[in-house]
C-alpha cells in the first residue's frame, strides 16, 4: 500500500521511502528492504551514493589527462600516419575553415566533460560537508549537468563517423587513438557518477540528517 507524503518535510523525516521501480511510497519501518507494492529491493537512499560518485569522478579525472594528451585519431594519408589530439584536431578544423564544427567539438570534448566534473564535484562537496546552499539551485544545476553531459558522446559519434567515411585503404583512412578509449571512459564515468548521485541527499544535507 502506498504511503501519503506530507508537504514541507522530506521522506526521510516522515519515515517514507520511494521505490525506484514502481515509484510508490512505503513505510520504511514496516518495509525496510522490500517494496510492498512490487517486491523489488528498496532503501531510503541509494546505498553508498557519495562514495560511488566520488570514485567515478576521480576515475574520470584520471582518464581526462590521457584523453587530452594522447592522439584521439590517426589519419593515414599516402601511407603516412598523422596523429591528432583533441586540441590539435580542433585547430585543424579551424585551419580548414570549419569553425562551427571546431566549436562543437571544443564544447563537447573539452568544455562539457570538465564543467561536468567540476559541477558534480561542487555539489558532492556541498552535500558531504552539509553546506547551507539553496537546494533548489543545486538540483537545477545537477539536472542541467546531467542533461548536457549526455552530449559528450557527440565526439565519439564524430570519430565513428570519420572512421566509416574515410576508409579508403592505404590512400586515406582514419583510426581511433588511445585517447579515444580514455575519452570514452571519461564520458562513461561522468554519466555513471551522475546516475550514482542521489539528489535527495541535497535536501538531507540542509536538514543535517
Foldseek 3Di string as FASTA:
>chain_A
DADDDDPPDDCVVVQWAADPPVRGIDRCVVPVFADPPPRHGTHRFQPPLLVLLVVLLVLLVVLLVCLQVFFFKWKQALNDTDGHHLVNVLVVCVVVVNNVVSVLSCCLQPVLLVVLSVLLVVLSVCLVVLPQDDLVVNVVSLVVNLVSLVSNCVNVVVLVVQQVPQPPDNHIGMDGDPSNVSSVSSSVSSNVSSVSHTSVSSVCSNVVD
